[in-house]
Amino acid sequence: MESKEEKFLRAKQRVQELRKYYMGLISFVVFNGILAGINYYVNQWDHMWFLWVTFFWGIGLFFDTAKVFGLQFIFGKNWESKKIKEYMENEEKDEAVNFKRWD
């Protein structure tokens, strides 16, 4: 059983992770907006080079999102425990089949 202090520390860490993520998201939007403005000022969208920065930073932001919010949309909450149970059941079945072969 967890104490209140452990729960508080875990909640505090979660809030810090969320704050860091949202600050990164705000930086992404503001900085890429500034780059887009500079790009337009310099060459009126003839060469949209700011999109390269946006694309690669967006990939990093996607992984940050997956880290902070978890991969719930792919694996679900109990994915790991279900997979462990599935592998254990399959292993038991394989052992039973191998044991019957030697009877």
Protein backbone atom coordinates (compact mmCIF):
# COMPACT_ATOMS: atom_id res chain seq x y z
CA MET A 1 0.00 0.00 0.00
CA GLU A 2 1.30 3.41 -0.94
CA SER A 3 1.59 6.20 1.55
CA LYS A 4 0.16 9.65 0.92
CA GLU A 5 3.66 11.01 0.51
CA GLU A 6 4.49 8.52 -2.27
CA LYS A 7 1.24 9.35 -4.05
CA PHE A 8 1.99 13.07 -3.70
CA LEU A 9 5.50 12.66 -5.11
CA ARG A 10 4.21 10.62 -8.05
CA ALA A 11 1.48 13.20 -8.76
CA LYS A 12 4.01 16.03 -8.48
CA GLN A 13 6.32 14.28 -10.97
CA ARG A 14 3.42 13.79 -13.37
CA VAL A 15 2.49 17.48 -13.16
CA GLN A 16 6.11 18.44 -13.85
CA GLU A 17 6.15 16.18 -16.92
CA LEU A 18 2.93 17.75 -18.19
CA ARG A 19 4.24 21.26 -17.59
CA LYS A 20 7.45 20.48 -19.48
CA TYR A 21 5.43 18.99 -22.36
CA TYR A 22 3.10 21.99 -22.63
CA MET A 23 6.02 24.43 -22.50
CA GLY A 24 7.62 22.50 -25.35
CA LEU A 25 4.35 22.61 -27.29
CA ILE A 26 4.07 26.39 -26.79
CA SER A 27 7.71 26.79 -27.88
CA PHE A 28 6.99 24.70 -30.97
CA VAL A 29 4.07 26.89 -32.02
CA VAL A 30 5.72 30.24 -31.24
CA PHE A 31 9.15 29.44 -32.68
CA ASN A 32 7.75 27.92 -35.88
CA GLY A 33 5.42 30.90 -36.26
CA ILE A 34 8.42 33.21 -36.03
CA LEU A 35 10.34 31.09 -38.56
CA ALA A 36 7.36 31.16 -40.92
CA GLY A 37 7.24 34.96 -40.62
CA ILE A 38 10.96 35.25 -41.34
CA ASN A 39 10.61 32.85 -44.27
CA TYR A 40 7.78 34.95 -45.73
CA TYR A 41 9.66 38.20 -45.18
CA VAL A 42 12.81 36.89 -46.86
CA ASN A 43 11.36 35.21 -49.97
CA GLN A 44 7.52 35.38 -49.94
CA TRP A 45 7.14 31.57 -49.69
CA ASP A 46 9.29 30.88 -52.77
CA HIS A 47 11.26 28.36 -50.72
CA MET A 48 9.38 27.23 -47.63
CA TRP A 49 12.44 26.10 -45.68
CA PHE A 50 10.78 26.58 -42.28
CA LEU A 51 8.72 23.45 -42.97
CA TRP A 52 11.84 21.30 -42.54
CA VAL A 53 12.27 22.57 -39.00
CA THR A 54 8.57 22.14 -38.30
CA PHE A 55 8.54 18.59 -39.68
CA PHE A 56 11.51 17.28 -37.70
CA TRP A 57 10.59 19.12 -34.52
CA GLY A 58 7.06 17.71 -34.98
CA ILE A 59 8.45 14.18 -35.01
CA GLY A 60 10.17 14.88 -31.70
CA LEU A 61 6.97 16.39 -30.35
CA PHE A 62 5.06 13.26 -31.34
CA PHE A 63 7.44 11.10 -29.30
CA ASP A 64 7.19 13.51 -26.37
CA THR A 65 3.40 13.22 -26.58
CA ALA A 66 3.63 9.42 -26.58
CA LYS A 67 5.97 9.56 -23.57
CA VAL A 68 3.84 11.94 -21.52
CA PHE A 69 0.40 10.56 -22.34
CA GLY A 70 1.51 6.98 -22.91
CA LEU A 71 0.83 4.84 -25.91
CA GLN A 72 -2.75 4.25 -24.83
CA PHE A 73 -4.00 4.56 -28.37
CA ILE A 74 -1.78 1.66 -29.50
CA PHE A 75 -1.23 -0.63 -26.55
CA GLY A 76 -4.01 0.20 -24.10
CA LYS A 77 -3.76 0.32 -20.33
CA ASN A 78 -3.25 -3.35 -19.54
CA TRP A 79 -1.47 -4.40 -22.71
CA GLU A 80 1.72 -5.55 -21.01
CA SER A 81 0.00 -7.70 -18.38
CA LYS A 82 -2.29 -9.26 -20.99
CA LYS A 83 0.69 -10.14 -23.19
CA ILE A 84 2.56 -11.71 -20.26
CA LYS A 85 -0.48 -13.80 -19.40
CA GLU A 86 -0.89 -14.83 -23.05
CA TYR A 87 2.75 -15.93 -23.36
CA MET A 88 2.57 -17.86 -20.10
CA GLU A 89 -0.57 -19.69 -21.26
CA ASN A 90 1.04 -20.50 -24.62
CA GLU A 91 4.13 -21.80 -22.88
CA GLU A 92 2.02 -24.03 -20.62
CA LYS A 93 0.20 -25.43 -23.65
CA ASP A 94 3.51 -26.12 -25.41
CA GLU A 95 4.86 -27.89 -22.33
CA ALA A 96 1.71 -30.04 -22.11
CA VAL A 97 1.99 -31.02 -25.79
CA ASN A 98 5.70 -31.86 -25.46
CA PHE A 99 5.05 -33.90 -22.32
CA LYS A 100 2.31 -35.97 -24.05
CA ARG A 101 4.66 -36.80 -26.94
CA TRP A 102 6.96 -38.68 -24.58
CA ASP A 103 4.18 -40.77 -22.97
